[in-house]
Amino acid sequence: MANSSPPPSPRSNALGGLANFIFWSRWLQMPLYIGLIVAQAVYVFHFWVELVHLVEAVFGNQEALRQLVESVGYKVPPILDAAGKPVVDAAGQVMLAAPKLNETLIMLVVLALIDVVMISNLLIMVIVGGYETFVSRLGLQDHPDQPEWLSHVNASVLKVKLATAIIGISSIHLLKTFISAANYDEKVLIWQTLIHMAFLFSAMAIAACDRILPQPIKHNAQH
C-alpha cells in the first residue's frame, strides 16, 4: 500500500499564499514603466519642436531663432556705442543685438538634440531592460527586431549600460558648457567637470565590481 503524503499544514498554505503575493507584487512596477513611456513621448515632442524651430530659423524666422537662443542659453552680445560701451535703454537694461544663426548656435542646438536622443536611449534601456529583468520576460526570442543587448541583459549588465549612458549624457552637457564657456562662472565649469569625473569613477567602480563578483555558470544544452 502506497504511503500517502501528509496534507499541507495551514502554516504551509499561508506561507505559500504570501510567497505568491510577494511574487505578484512585481507587477506594481508596471505603472512606473508606463509613466516612463509617457515621458519618452514628451521627449519626442520636445525633439520635434526644437528641430522645427531650427529649420524655421534657417529660413529667417526671428521668433523661432529667439526661442532657440532661450532654450540653449546662448548669450547674445550687447549693442555697443561708438565708444565701445553697451547701450542702455530707458529702463536701464542693456540692449542686446538681434540674434543670428551662427555656427556656435547651430552646434548648441544640435548638441541639445543629441542630448534628447541619448536620454531617450536611456529611457529605452530602463523600460525594456528593467521590465525584462524585474517584471516578466518579453518573449522576443528569434524576433527580427530584438535589440542586440537584450539577449544577454541582467541586473549587472543593465547597471553598466545605464552608467555608460549617463556618462554620455554628462559629456554632451559638459561640451555644451565649454562651447559657451563665456556664459558661465568659473566655479560652474569646475563643478561640472568634477561631477563628470565622479560619473566616470562610478562607472568604473560598477564595472570592476561586476568583474569581481562570480558569474553565473552557463549550462550547455549538449553534454
N, C-alpha and C. Protein backbone atom coordinates (compact mmCIF):
# COMPACT_ATOMS: atom_id res chain seq x y z
N MET A 1 0.86 -1.20 0.00
CA MET A 1 0.00 0.00 0.00
C MET A 1 0.89 1.24 0.00
N ALA A 2 0.63 2.16 -0.98
CA ALA A 2 1.49 3.33 -1.11
C ALA A 2 1.22 4.31 0.02
N ASN A 3 2.30 4.91 0.47
CA ASN A 3 2.18 5.89 1.54
C ASN A 3 1.66 7.20 0.96
N SER A 4 0.59 7.71 1.49
CA SER A 4 0.04 9.00 1.03
C SER A 4 0.77 10.13 1.74
N SER A 5 1.05 11.19 0.97
CA SER A 5 1.75 12.33 1.56
C SER A 5 0.83 13.05 2.52
N PRO A 6 1.37 13.57 3.60
CA PRO A 6 0.53 14.26 4.58
C PRO A 6 -0.07 15.53 3.99
N PRO A 7 -1.25 15.89 4.39
CA PRO A 7 -1.88 17.12 3.87
C PRO A 7 -1.08 18.34 4.31
N PRO A 8 -1.02 19.36 3.46
CA PRO A 8 -0.27 20.56 3.83
C PRO A 8 -0.88 21.24 5.04
N SER A 9 -0.03 21.71 5.89
CA SER A 9 -0.48 22.37 7.10
C SER A 9 -0.98 23.78 6.77
N PRO A 10 -1.82 24.35 7.62
CA PRO A 10 -2.28 25.73 7.39
C PRO A 10 -1.12 26.72 7.31
N ARG A 11 -0.04 26.43 8.07
CA ARG A 11 1.12 27.33 8.02
C ARG A 11 1.75 27.30 6.63
N SER A 12 1.86 26.10 6.03
CA SER A 12 2.44 25.99 4.70
C SER A 12 1.56 26.71 3.68
N ASN A 13 0.23 26.54 3.81
CA ASN A 13 -0.67 27.24 2.89
C ASN A 13 -0.53 28.75 3.02
N ALA A 14 -0.40 29.24 4.25
CA ALA A 14 -0.27 30.68 4.46
C ALA A 14 1.03 31.20 3.87
N LEU A 15 2.13 30.47 4.09
CA LEU A 15 3.42 30.90 3.55
C LEU A 15 3.41 30.85 2.03
N GLY A 16 2.75 29.80 1.47
CA GLY A 16 2.67 29.72 0.01
C GLY A 16 1.88 30.87 -0.57
N GLY A 17 0.77 31.24 0.09
CA GLY A 17 0.00 32.38 -0.38
C GLY A 17 0.76 33.68 -0.27
N LEU A 18 1.53 33.83 0.83
CA LEU A 18 2.34 35.04 0.99
C LEU A 18 3.42 35.12 -0.07
N ALA A 19 4.05 33.96 -0.38
CA ALA A 19 5.08 33.94 -1.41
C ALA A 19 4.50 34.32 -2.77
N ASN A 20 3.31 33.80 -3.08
CA ASN A 20 2.67 34.15 -4.34
C ASN A 20 2.33 35.64 -4.40
N PHE A 21 1.89 36.19 -3.26
CA PHE A 21 1.56 37.61 -3.22
C PHE A 21 2.81 38.47 -3.43
N ILE A 22 3.92 38.08 -2.77
CA ILE A 22 5.17 38.82 -2.94
C ILE A 22 5.64 38.74 -4.38
N PHE A 23 5.54 37.54 -4.98
CA PHE A 23 5.95 37.38 -6.37
C PHE A 23 5.06 38.20 -7.31
N TRP A 24 3.77 38.27 -7.00
CA TRP A 24 2.84 39.05 -7.82
C TRP A 24 3.13 40.55 -7.71
N SER A 25 3.70 40.99 -6.59
CA SER A 25 3.91 42.43 -6.37
C SER A 25 4.85 43.05 -7.39
N ARG A 26 5.57 42.23 -8.15
CA ARG A 26 6.46 42.78 -9.18
C ARG A 26 5.65 43.55 -10.23
N TRP A 27 4.37 43.23 -10.40
CA TRP A 27 3.54 43.92 -11.38
C TRP A 27 3.21 45.34 -10.95
N LEU A 28 3.49 45.67 -9.70
CA LEU A 28 3.28 47.05 -9.27
C LEU A 28 4.24 48.01 -9.97
N GLN A 29 5.31 47.47 -10.57
CA GLN A 29 6.23 48.31 -11.32
C GLN A 29 5.67 48.70 -12.69
N MET A 30 4.62 48.01 -13.14
CA MET A 30 4.08 48.28 -14.47
C MET A 30 3.69 49.75 -14.67
N PRO A 31 2.95 50.40 -13.71
CA PRO A 31 2.64 51.82 -13.91
C PRO A 31 3.88 52.70 -14.02
N LEU A 32 4.97 52.31 -13.35
CA LEU A 32 6.20 53.10 -13.44
C LEU A 32 6.76 53.07 -14.85
N TYR A 33 6.78 51.89 -15.47
CA TYR A 33 7.29 51.79 -16.84
C TYR A 33 6.36 52.48 -17.82
N ILE A 34 5.04 52.43 -17.57
CA ILE A 34 4.11 53.16 -18.42
C ILE A 34 4.35 54.66 -18.31
N GLY A 35 4.65 55.13 -17.09
CA GLY A 35 4.98 56.54 -16.91
C GLY A 35 6.23 56.94 -17.66
N LEU A 36 7.23 56.06 -17.70
CA LEU A 36 8.44 56.35 -18.47
C LEU A 36 8.15 56.38 -19.96
N ILE A 37 7.21 55.56 -20.42
CA ILE A 37 6.82 55.60 -21.84
C ILE A 37 6.18 56.95 -22.16
N VAL A 38 5.35 57.46 -21.24
CA VAL A 38 4.76 58.79 -21.43
C VAL A 38 5.86 59.85 -21.47
N ALA A 39 6.85 59.73 -20.57
CA ALA A 39 7.98 60.67 -20.59
C ALA A 39 8.74 60.59 -21.90
N GLN A 40 8.86 59.39 -22.46
CA GLN A 40 9.50 59.21 -23.76
C GLN A 40 8.74 59.98 -24.84
N ALA A 41 7.41 59.91 -24.80
CA ALA A 41 6.60 60.64 -25.78
C ALA A 41 6.80 62.15 -25.64
N VAL A 42 6.93 62.64 -24.40
CA VAL A 42 7.17 64.06 -24.17
C VAL A 42 8.52 64.47 -24.77
N TYR A 43 9.54 63.62 -24.62
CA TYR A 43 10.85 63.92 -25.19
C TYR A 43 10.80 63.93 -26.71
N VAL A 44 10.03 63.03 -27.31
CA VAL A 44 9.88 63.02 -28.77
C VAL A 44 9.24 64.33 -29.24
N PHE A 45 8.20 64.78 -28.52
CA PHE A 45 7.55 66.04 -28.88
C PHE A 45 8.53 67.21 -28.75
N HIS A 46 9.29 67.24 -27.65
CA HIS A 46 10.28 68.30 -27.44
C HIS A 46 11.34 68.29 -28.55
N PHE A 47 11.77 67.11 -28.96
CA PHE A 47 12.77 67.00 -30.03
C PHE A 47 12.25 67.63 -31.32
N TRP A 48 11.02 67.32 -31.69
CA TRP A 48 10.48 67.84 -32.95
C TRP A 48 10.22 69.33 -32.86
N VAL A 49 9.84 69.85 -31.71
CA VAL A 49 9.66 71.29 -31.55
C VAL A 49 10.98 72.01 -31.79
N GLU A 50 12.06 71.51 -31.18
CA GLU A 50 13.38 72.13 -31.36
C GLU A 50 13.84 72.02 -32.81
N LEU A 51 13.60 70.87 -33.43
CA LEU A 51 14.02 70.68 -34.81
C LEU A 51 13.26 71.61 -35.75
N VAL A 52 11.95 71.76 -35.53
CA VAL A 52 11.16 72.68 -36.36
C VAL A 52 11.64 74.11 -36.17
N HIS A 53 11.94 74.50 -34.95
CA HIS A 53 12.46 75.85 -34.70
C HIS A 53 13.79 76.06 -35.43
N LEU A 54 14.64 75.05 -35.44
CA LEU A 54 15.93 75.17 -36.13
C LEU A 54 15.72 75.36 -37.63
N VAL A 55 14.83 74.57 -38.22
CA VAL A 55 14.57 74.69 -39.66
C VAL A 55 13.96 76.06 -39.97
N GLU A 56 13.02 76.51 -39.14
CA GLU A 56 12.41 77.81 -39.37
C GLU A 56 13.43 78.93 -39.22
N ALA A 57 14.35 78.80 -38.26
CA ALA A 57 15.38 79.82 -38.08
C ALA A 57 16.31 79.90 -39.28
N VAL A 58 16.58 78.76 -39.91
CA VAL A 58 17.42 78.75 -41.11
C VAL A 58 16.78 79.59 -42.21
N PHE A 59 15.45 79.56 -42.29
CA PHE A 59 14.74 80.31 -43.32
C PHE A 59 14.35 81.71 -42.86
N GLY A 60 14.96 82.20 -41.77
CA GLY A 60 14.81 83.59 -41.39
C GLY A 60 13.71 83.91 -40.40
N ASN A 61 13.12 82.93 -39.75
CA ASN A 61 12.08 83.18 -38.76
C ASN A 61 12.73 83.65 -37.47
N GLN A 62 12.57 84.94 -37.15
CA GLN A 62 13.22 85.51 -35.99
C GLN A 62 12.62 85.01 -34.68
N GLU A 63 11.32 84.74 -34.66
CA GLU A 63 10.69 84.23 -33.44
C GLU A 63 11.22 82.84 -33.10
N ALA A 64 11.36 81.99 -34.12
CA ALA A 64 11.93 80.65 -33.90
C ALA A 64 13.38 80.76 -33.44
N LEU A 65 14.12 81.72 -34.02
CA LEU A 65 15.51 81.92 -33.62
C LEU A 65 15.59 82.38 -32.17
N ARG A 66 14.68 83.27 -31.78
CA ARG A 66 14.68 83.75 -30.39
C ARG A 66 14.40 82.61 -29.42
N GLN A 67 13.47 81.72 -29.77
CA GLN A 67 13.17 80.59 -28.91
C GLN A 67 14.34 79.62 -28.82
N LEU A 68 15.07 79.45 -29.92
CA LEU A 68 16.26 78.61 -29.87
C LEU A 68 17.31 79.20 -28.94
N VAL A 69 17.52 80.51 -29.04
CA VAL A 69 18.51 81.17 -28.19
C VAL A 69 18.15 80.99 -26.72
N GLU A 70 16.87 81.12 -26.39
CA GLU A 70 16.44 80.95 -25.00
C GLU A 70 16.57 79.50 -24.54
N SER A 71 16.26 78.55 -25.41
CA SER A 71 16.26 77.14 -25.00
C SER A 71 17.66 76.61 -24.73
N VAL A 72 18.66 77.07 -25.51
CA VAL A 72 20.02 76.56 -25.32
C VAL A 72 20.85 77.47 -24.43
N GLY A 73 20.28 78.62 -24.00
CA GLY A 73 21.03 79.53 -23.12
C GLY A 73 22.15 80.26 -23.81
N TYR A 74 21.98 80.53 -25.11
CA TYR A 74 23.02 81.23 -25.86
C TYR A 74 23.04 82.70 -25.47
N LYS A 75 24.24 83.24 -25.26
CA LYS A 75 24.40 84.62 -24.83
C LYS A 75 24.54 85.52 -26.05
N VAL A 76 23.54 86.40 -26.24
CA VAL A 76 23.57 87.34 -27.36
C VAL A 76 24.41 88.55 -26.95
N PRO A 77 25.35 88.99 -27.79
CA PRO A 77 26.20 90.14 -27.42
C PRO A 77 25.38 91.43 -27.36
N PRO A 78 25.78 92.37 -26.48
CA PRO A 78 25.06 93.65 -26.37
C PRO A 78 25.38 94.57 -27.54
N ILE A 79 24.50 95.56 -27.71
CA ILE A 79 24.75 96.60 -28.71
C ILE A 79 25.75 97.60 -28.13
N LEU A 80 26.78 97.92 -28.88
CA LEU A 80 27.83 98.82 -28.41
C LEU A 80 27.71 100.17 -29.10
N ASP A 81 28.04 101.23 -28.35
CA ASP A 81 28.04 102.56 -28.94
C ASP A 81 29.39 102.83 -29.59
N ALA A 82 29.59 104.08 -30.02
CA ALA A 82 30.83 104.43 -30.71
C ALA A 82 32.04 104.28 -29.80
N ALA A 83 31.84 104.41 -28.50
CA ALA A 83 32.95 104.28 -27.55
C ALA A 83 33.20 102.83 -27.15
N GLY A 84 32.40 101.92 -27.69
CA GLY A 84 32.59 100.50 -27.35
C GLY A 84 31.91 100.09 -26.07
N LYS A 85 30.99 100.93 -25.55
CA LYS A 85 30.28 100.61 -24.32
C LYS A 85 28.88 100.10 -24.65
N PRO A 86 28.33 99.20 -23.81
CA PRO A 86 26.98 98.69 -24.06
C PRO A 86 25.94 99.81 -24.02
N VAL A 87 24.98 99.76 -24.93
CA VAL A 87 23.90 100.74 -24.98
C VAL A 87 22.82 100.32 -23.98
N VAL A 88 22.35 101.29 -23.19
CA VAL A 88 21.34 101.04 -22.16
C VAL A 88 20.06 101.74 -22.57
N ASP A 89 18.90 101.04 -22.39
CA ASP A 89 17.61 101.65 -22.74
C ASP A 89 17.12 102.52 -21.59
N ALA A 90 15.89 103.04 -21.74
CA ALA A 90 15.34 103.96 -20.74
C ALA A 90 15.11 103.27 -19.40
N ALA A 91 14.90 101.97 -19.41
CA ALA A 91 14.68 101.24 -18.16
C ALA A 91 15.97 100.81 -17.49
N GLY A 92 17.10 101.16 -18.09
CA GLY A 92 18.38 100.80 -17.51
C GLY A 92 18.87 99.41 -17.89
N GLN A 93 18.19 98.76 -18.84
CA GLN A 93 18.58 97.43 -19.28
C GLN A 93 19.53 97.52 -20.47
N VAL A 94 20.51 96.64 -20.49
CA VAL A 94 21.45 96.60 -21.61
C VAL A 94 20.73 96.07 -22.84
N MET A 95 20.83 96.79 -23.94
CA MET A 95 20.18 96.39 -25.19
C MET A 95 21.04 95.35 -25.90
N LEU A 96 20.40 94.27 -26.29
CA LEU A 96 21.10 93.17 -26.95
C LEU A 96 20.91 93.24 -28.45
N ALA A 97 21.91 92.79 -29.16
CA ALA A 97 21.83 92.76 -30.62
C ALA A 97 20.85 91.68 -31.06
N ALA A 98 20.38 91.80 -32.28
CA ALA A 98 19.47 90.79 -32.81
C ALA A 98 20.22 89.47 -32.95
N PRO A 99 19.66 88.37 -32.47
CA PRO A 99 20.37 87.09 -32.56
C PRO A 99 20.56 86.66 -34.01
N LYS A 100 21.68 86.00 -34.25
CA LYS A 100 21.99 85.49 -35.58
C LYS A 100 22.26 83.99 -35.48
N LEU A 101 21.87 83.29 -36.52
CA LEU A 101 22.07 81.84 -36.55
C LEU A 101 23.49 81.56 -37.03
N ASN A 102 24.43 81.54 -36.08
CA ASN A 102 25.82 81.29 -36.44
C ASN A 102 26.18 79.83 -36.14
N GLU A 103 27.44 79.50 -36.39
CA GLU A 103 27.89 78.11 -36.23
C GLU A 103 27.79 77.65 -34.77
N THR A 104 28.12 78.54 -33.85
CA THR A 104 28.07 78.17 -32.43
C THR A 104 26.66 77.84 -31.99
N LEU A 105 25.70 78.66 -32.40
CA LEU A 105 24.31 78.43 -32.02
C LEU A 105 23.79 77.13 -32.63
N ILE A 106 24.13 76.88 -33.90
CA ILE A 106 23.70 75.63 -34.54
C ILE A 106 24.29 74.43 -33.80
N MET A 107 25.57 74.54 -33.41
CA MET A 107 26.21 73.44 -32.70
C MET A 107 25.54 73.18 -31.36
N LEU A 108 25.17 74.25 -30.65
CA LEU A 108 24.50 74.09 -29.37
C LEU A 108 23.13 73.44 -29.53
N VAL A 109 22.41 73.82 -30.58
CA VAL A 109 21.09 73.22 -30.83
C VAL A 109 21.23 71.75 -31.18
N VAL A 110 22.22 71.43 -32.04
CA VAL A 110 22.43 70.03 -32.43
C VAL A 110 22.82 69.20 -31.21
N LEU A 111 23.68 69.74 -30.35
CA LEU A 111 24.05 69.02 -29.12
C LEU A 111 22.83 68.82 -28.22
N ALA A 112 21.95 69.81 -28.18
CA ALA A 112 20.73 69.66 -27.38
C ALA A 112 19.85 68.54 -27.95
N LEU A 113 19.78 68.43 -29.29
CA LEU A 113 19.01 67.35 -29.91
C LEU A 113 19.65 65.99 -29.62
N ILE A 114 20.99 65.94 -29.70
CA ILE A 114 21.69 64.69 -29.37
C ILE A 114 21.45 64.31 -27.91
N ASP A 115 21.41 65.32 -27.05
CA ASP A 115 21.14 65.07 -25.63
C ASP A 115 19.77 64.43 -25.45
N VAL A 116 18.77 64.92 -26.17
CA VAL A 116 17.43 64.33 -26.10
C VAL A 116 17.45 62.89 -26.56
N VAL A 117 18.17 62.61 -27.66
CA VAL A 117 18.24 61.25 -28.18
C VAL A 117 18.91 60.31 -27.17
N MET A 118 19.99 60.76 -26.54
CA MET A 118 20.69 59.91 -25.59
C MET A 118 19.85 59.65 -24.34
N ILE A 119 19.11 60.65 -23.89
CA ILE A 119 18.21 60.43 -22.76
C ILE A 119 17.09 59.48 -23.16
N SER A 120 16.63 59.59 -24.41
CA SER A 120 15.62 58.65 -24.90
C SER A 120 16.16 57.23 -24.93
N ASN A 121 17.42 57.07 -25.36
CA ASN A 121 18.04 55.74 -25.32
C ASN A 121 18.12 55.21 -23.89
N LEU A 122 18.44 56.10 -22.95
CA LEU A 122 18.49 55.69 -21.54
C LEU A 122 17.12 55.23 -21.06
N LEU A 123 16.08 55.93 -21.48
CA LEU A 123 14.73 55.52 -21.10
C LEU A 123 14.39 54.14 -21.66
N ILE A 124 14.78 53.89 -22.91
CA ILE A 124 14.50 52.58 -23.52
C ILE A 124 15.22 51.48 -22.74
N MET A 125 16.48 51.73 -22.35
CA MET A 125 17.21 50.73 -21.58
C MET A 125 16.50 50.42 -20.26
N VAL A 126 16.03 51.47 -19.59
CA VAL A 126 15.37 51.27 -18.31
C VAL A 126 14.02 50.57 -18.50
N ILE A 127 13.25 51.00 -19.50
CA ILE A 127 11.92 50.42 -19.70
C ILE A 127 12.01 48.96 -20.12
N VAL A 128 12.74 48.71 -21.22
CA VAL A 128 12.80 47.35 -21.77
C VAL A 128 13.64 46.44 -20.88
N GLY A 129 14.86 46.90 -20.53
CA GLY A 129 15.73 46.08 -19.70
C GLY A 129 15.17 45.85 -18.31
N GLY A 130 14.59 46.90 -17.71
CA GLY A 130 14.02 46.75 -16.38
C GLY A 130 12.82 45.82 -16.36
N TYR A 131 11.96 45.94 -17.37
CA TYR A 131 10.80 45.05 -17.44
C TYR A 131 11.24 43.61 -17.63
N GLU A 132 12.21 43.38 -18.53
CA GLU A 132 12.70 42.03 -18.79
C GLU A 132 13.39 41.44 -17.56
N THR A 133 14.09 42.28 -16.79
CA THR A 133 14.87 41.78 -15.66
C THR A 133 14.03 41.61 -14.40
N PHE A 134 13.12 42.54 -14.13
CA PHE A 134 12.46 42.56 -12.83
C PHE A 134 10.96 42.23 -12.88
N VAL A 135 10.33 42.24 -14.02
CA VAL A 135 8.88 42.02 -14.08
C VAL A 135 8.55 40.71 -14.78
N SER A 136 8.78 40.64 -16.08
CA SER A 136 8.40 39.45 -16.83
C SER A 136 9.19 39.40 -18.13
N ARG A 137 9.35 38.21 -18.66
CA ARG A 137 10.04 38.06 -19.93
C ARG A 137 9.18 38.61 -21.06
N LEU A 138 9.87 39.19 -22.05
CA LEU A 138 9.17 39.76 -23.19
C LEU A 138 8.88 38.73 -24.27
N GLY A 139 9.59 37.60 -24.25
CA GLY A 139 9.36 36.57 -25.24
C GLY A 139 9.73 37.00 -26.64
N LEU A 140 10.91 37.63 -26.80
CA LEU A 140 11.33 38.13 -28.11
C LEU A 140 12.35 37.23 -28.78
N GLN A 141 12.48 35.99 -28.34
CA GLN A 141 13.45 35.09 -28.95
C GLN A 141 13.14 34.94 -30.44
N ASP A 142 14.21 35.05 -31.24
CA ASP A 142 14.14 34.92 -32.70
C ASP A 142 13.31 36.03 -33.35
N HIS A 143 12.99 37.08 -32.60
CA HIS A 143 12.28 38.21 -33.21
C HIS A 143 13.27 39.04 -34.01
N PRO A 144 12.94 39.42 -35.26
CA PRO A 144 13.92 40.15 -36.09
C PRO A 144 14.29 41.52 -35.55
N ASP A 145 13.42 42.12 -34.74
CA ASP A 145 13.69 43.46 -34.21
C ASP A 145 14.19 43.45 -32.77
N GLN A 146 14.56 42.30 -32.25
CA GLN A 146 15.05 42.25 -30.87
C GLN A 146 16.37 43.01 -30.76
N PRO A 147 16.49 43.95 -29.81
CA PRO A 147 17.76 44.66 -29.62
C PRO A 147 18.88 43.69 -29.27
N GLU A 148 20.08 43.98 -29.78
CA GLU A 148 21.22 43.07 -29.57
C GLU A 148 21.56 42.93 -28.10
N TRP A 149 21.49 44.02 -27.35
CA TRP A 149 21.90 43.99 -25.94
C TRP A 149 20.89 43.27 -25.06
N LEU A 150 19.65 43.09 -25.56
CA LEU A 150 18.62 42.48 -24.72
C LEU A 150 18.82 40.98 -24.56
N SER A 151 19.59 40.36 -25.48
CA SER A 151 19.76 38.91 -25.42
C SER A 151 20.59 38.47 -24.22
N HIS A 152 21.43 39.35 -23.68
CA HIS A 152 22.27 38.98 -22.54
C HIS A 152 22.12 39.98 -21.38
N VAL A 153 20.94 40.60 -21.27
CA VAL A 153 20.75 41.60 -20.23
C VAL A 153 20.45 40.91 -18.90
N ASN A 154 21.04 41.45 -17.84
CA ASN A 154 20.70 41.09 -16.47
C ASN A 154 20.93 42.32 -15.61
N ALA A 155 20.76 42.18 -14.31
CA ALA A 155 20.87 43.35 -13.44
C ALA A 155 22.25 44.00 -13.52
N SER A 156 23.32 43.19 -13.58
CA SER A 156 24.68 43.74 -13.64
C SER A 156 24.94 44.44 -14.96
N VAL A 157 24.56 43.78 -16.06
CA VAL A 157 24.76 44.38 -17.38
C VAL A 157 23.96 45.67 -17.51
N LEU A 158 22.74 45.66 -16.98
CA LEU A 158 21.89 46.85 -17.06
C LEU A 158 22.51 48.01 -16.30
N LYS A 159 23.10 47.75 -15.13
CA LYS A 159 23.74 48.83 -14.36
C LYS A 159 24.92 49.42 -15.12
N VAL A 160 25.73 48.58 -15.75
CA VAL A 160 26.89 49.08 -16.50
C VAL A 160 26.43 49.90 -17.70
N LYS A 161 25.41 49.42 -18.42
CA LYS A 161 24.93 50.15 -19.59
C LYS A 161 24.30 51.48 -19.18
N LEU A 162 23.58 51.50 -18.08
CA LEU A 162 23.00 52.75 -17.61
C LEU A 162 24.09 53.74 -17.20
N ALA A 163 25.13 53.25 -16.53
CA ALA A 163 26.23 54.13 -16.14
C ALA A 163 26.93 54.69 -17.38
N THR A 164 27.11 53.87 -18.40
CA THR A 164 27.73 54.34 -19.64
C THR A 164 26.86 55.39 -20.32
N ALA A 165 25.55 55.18 -20.33
CA ALA A 165 24.65 56.15 -20.94
C ALA A 165 24.67 57.48 -20.18
N ILE A 166 24.73 57.42 -18.86
CA ILE A 166 24.79 58.65 -18.06
C ILE A 166 26.08 59.41 -18.34
N ILE A 167 27.18 58.69 -18.52
CA ILE A 167 28.44 59.36 -18.86
C ILE A 167 28.33 60.06 -20.20
N GLY A 168 27.69 59.41 -21.18
CA GLY A 168 27.49 60.05 -22.48
C GLY A 168 26.66 61.31 -22.38
N ILE A 169 25.59 61.27 -21.59
CA ILE A 169 24.75 62.45 -21.42
C ILE A 169 25.53 63.56 -20.71
N SER A 170 26.30 63.19 -19.69
CA SER A 170 27.12 64.18 -18.99
C SER A 170 28.16 64.80 -19.92
N SER A 171 28.71 63.99 -20.83
CA SER A 171 29.70 64.51 -21.78
C SER A 171 29.07 65.56 -22.70
N ILE A 172 27.84 65.29 -23.15
CA ILE A 172 27.16 66.26 -24.01
C ILE A 172 26.92 67.57 -23.26
N HIS A 173 26.47 67.48 -22.01
CA HIS A 173 26.24 68.69 -21.22
C HIS A 173 27.55 69.45 -20.99
N LEU A 174 28.61 68.71 -20.73
CA LEU A 174 29.91 69.37 -20.50
C LEU A 174 30.40 70.05 -21.76
N LEU A 175 30.20 69.41 -22.92
CA LEU A 175 30.62 70.01 -24.18
C LEU A 175 29.81 71.27 -24.47
N LYS A 176 28.51 71.24 -24.20
CA LYS A 176 27.69 72.43 -24.40
C LYS A 176 28.16 73.56 -23.50
N THR A 177 28.54 73.24 -22.28
CA THR A 177 29.01 74.27 -21.36
C THR A 177 30.30 74.90 -21.83
N PHE A 178 31.24 74.09 -22.31
CA PHE A 178 32.53 74.63 -22.72
C PHE A 178 32.44 75.38 -24.05
N ILE A 179 31.46 75.03 -24.90
CA ILE A 179 31.29 75.79 -26.14
C ILE A 179 30.85 77.21 -25.82
N SER A 180 29.98 77.36 -24.85
CA SER A 180 29.54 78.69 -24.42
C SER A 180 30.08 79.00 -23.03
N ALA A 181 31.38 78.78 -22.85
CA ALA A 181 32.00 78.96 -21.53
C ALA A 181 31.93 80.40 -21.04
N ALA A 182 31.84 81.36 -21.98
CA ALA A 182 31.78 82.76 -21.57
C ALA A 182 30.50 83.08 -20.81
N ASN A 183 29.48 82.24 -20.95
CA ASN A 183 28.21 82.49 -20.27
C ASN A 183 28.18 81.95 -18.85
N TYR A 184 29.22 81.23 -18.44
CA TYR A 184 29.20 80.54 -17.15
C TYR A 184 30.33 81.05 -16.26
N ASP A 185 30.07 80.97 -14.97
CA ASP A 185 31.10 81.30 -13.99
C ASP A 185 32.14 80.18 -13.93
N GLU A 186 33.34 80.53 -13.52
CA GLU A 186 34.42 79.54 -13.46
C GLU A 186 34.08 78.40 -12.50
N LYS A 187 33.39 78.71 -11.41
CA LYS A 187 33.02 77.66 -10.46
C LYS A 187 32.07 76.64 -11.09
N VAL A 188 31.17 77.11 -11.96
CA VAL A 188 30.25 76.19 -12.63
C VAL A 188 31.02 75.23 -13.52
N LEU A 189 32.01 75.76 -14.25
CA LEU A 189 32.82 74.90 -15.12
C LEU A 189 33.58 73.85 -14.31
N ILE A 190 34.14 74.29 -13.18
CA ILE A 190 34.91 73.35 -12.35
C ILE A 190 33.99 72.27 -11.78
N TRP A 191 32.83 72.68 -11.27
CA TRP A 191 31.92 71.70 -10.67
C TRP A 191 31.37 70.72 -11.70
N GLN A 192 31.06 71.20 -12.89
CA GLN A 192 30.57 70.28 -13.93
C GLN A 192 31.64 69.27 -14.31
N THR A 193 32.89 69.72 -14.37
CA THR A 193 33.99 68.80 -14.69
C THR A 193 34.16 67.77 -13.58
N LEU A 194 34.11 68.22 -12.32
CA LEU A 194 34.26 67.29 -11.20
C LEU A 194 33.11 66.28 -11.15
N ILE A 195 31.89 66.75 -11.42
CA ILE A 195 30.75 65.83 -11.42
C ILE A 195 30.89 64.80 -12.54
N HIS A 196 31.36 65.25 -13.71
CA HIS A 196 31.57 64.31 -14.81
C HIS A 196 32.63 63.27 -14.44
N MET A 197 33.70 63.70 -13.78
CA MET A 197 34.72 62.75 -13.35
C MET A 197 34.15 61.78 -12.31
N ALA A 198 33.26 62.27 -11.45
CA ALA A 198 32.62 61.38 -10.47
C ALA A 198 31.79 60.31 -11.18
N PHE A 199 31.10 60.70 -12.26
CA PHE A 199 30.35 59.71 -13.05
C PHE A 199 31.29 58.67 -13.64
N LEU A 200 32.45 59.13 -14.14
CA LEU A 200 33.42 58.20 -14.73
C LEU A 200 33.91 57.19 -13.70
N PHE A 201 34.31 57.69 -12.53
CA PHE A 201 34.81 56.78 -11.48
C PHE A 201 33.71 55.84 -11.00
N SER A 202 32.48 56.34 -10.93
CA SER A 202 31.37 55.47 -10.50
C SER A 202 31.15 54.35 -11.51
N ALA A 203 31.20 54.68 -12.81
CA ALA A 203 31.02 53.65 -13.83
C ALA A 203 32.14 52.62 -13.78
N MET A 204 33.38 53.10 -13.57
CA MET A 204 34.49 52.15 -13.48
C MET A 204 34.36 51.27 -12.25
N ALA A 205 33.87 51.84 -11.14
CA ALA A 205 33.67 51.03 -9.93
C ALA A 205 32.59 49.98 -10.15
N ILE A 206 31.50 50.35 -10.84
CA ILE A 206 30.44 49.38 -11.12
C ILE A 206 30.96 48.26 -12.00
N ALA A 207 31.74 48.64 -13.05
CA ALA A 207 32.29 47.61 -13.94
C ALA A 207 33.27 46.71 -13.20
N ALA A 208 34.09 47.30 -12.30
CA ALA A 208 35.05 46.49 -11.54
C ALA A 208 34.33 45.52 -10.61
N CYS A 209 33.29 46.00 -9.95
CA CYS A 209 32.52 45.11 -9.06
C CYS A 209 31.86 43.99 -9.85
N ASP A 210 31.40 44.31 -11.06
CA ASP A 210 30.77 43.28 -11.89
C ASP A 210 31.77 42.20 -12.28
N ARG A 211 33.04 42.59 -12.49
CA ARG A 211 34.06 41.60 -12.85
C ARG A 211 34.50 40.79 -11.64
N ILE A 212 34.47 41.40 -10.45
CA ILE A 212 34.90 40.70 -9.24
C ILE A 212 33.86 39.66 -8.81
N LEU A 213 32.58 40.02 -8.93
CA LEU A 213 31.53 39.10 -8.49
C LEU A 213 31.54 37.83 -9.33
N PRO A 214 31.25 36.68 -8.74
CA PRO A 214 31.21 35.43 -9.51
C PRO A 214 30.11 35.46 -10.54
N GLN A 215 30.44 35.02 -11.76
CA GLN A 215 29.47 34.99 -12.83
C GLN A 215 28.65 33.71 -12.77
N PRO A 216 27.37 33.78 -13.15
CA PRO A 216 26.55 32.56 -13.15
C PRO A 216 27.07 31.55 -14.17
N ILE A 217 27.03 30.28 -13.82
CA ILE A 217 27.51 29.22 -14.69
C ILE A 217 26.47 28.95 -15.77
N LYS A 218 26.91 28.95 -17.01
CA LYS A 218 26.01 28.68 -18.13
C LYS A 218 26.05 27.20 -18.43
N HIS A 219 24.90 26.56 -18.40
CA HIS A 219 24.80 25.14 -18.68
C HIS A 219 24.57 24.95 -20.17
N ASN A 220 25.40 24.12 -20.77
CA ASN A 220 25.25 23.84 -22.18
C ASN A 220 24.11 22.86 -22.41
N ALA A 221 23.48 23.02 -23.53
CA ALA A 221 22.37 22.12 -23.85
C ALA A 221 22.87 20.74 -24.18
N GLN A 222 24.11 20.65 -24.76
CA GLN A 222 24.67 19.37 -25.12
C GLN A 222 25.80 19.03 -24.16
N HIS A 223 25.90 17.80 -23.73
CA HIS A 223 26.94 17.36 -22.80
C HIS A 223 27.88 16.40 -23.54
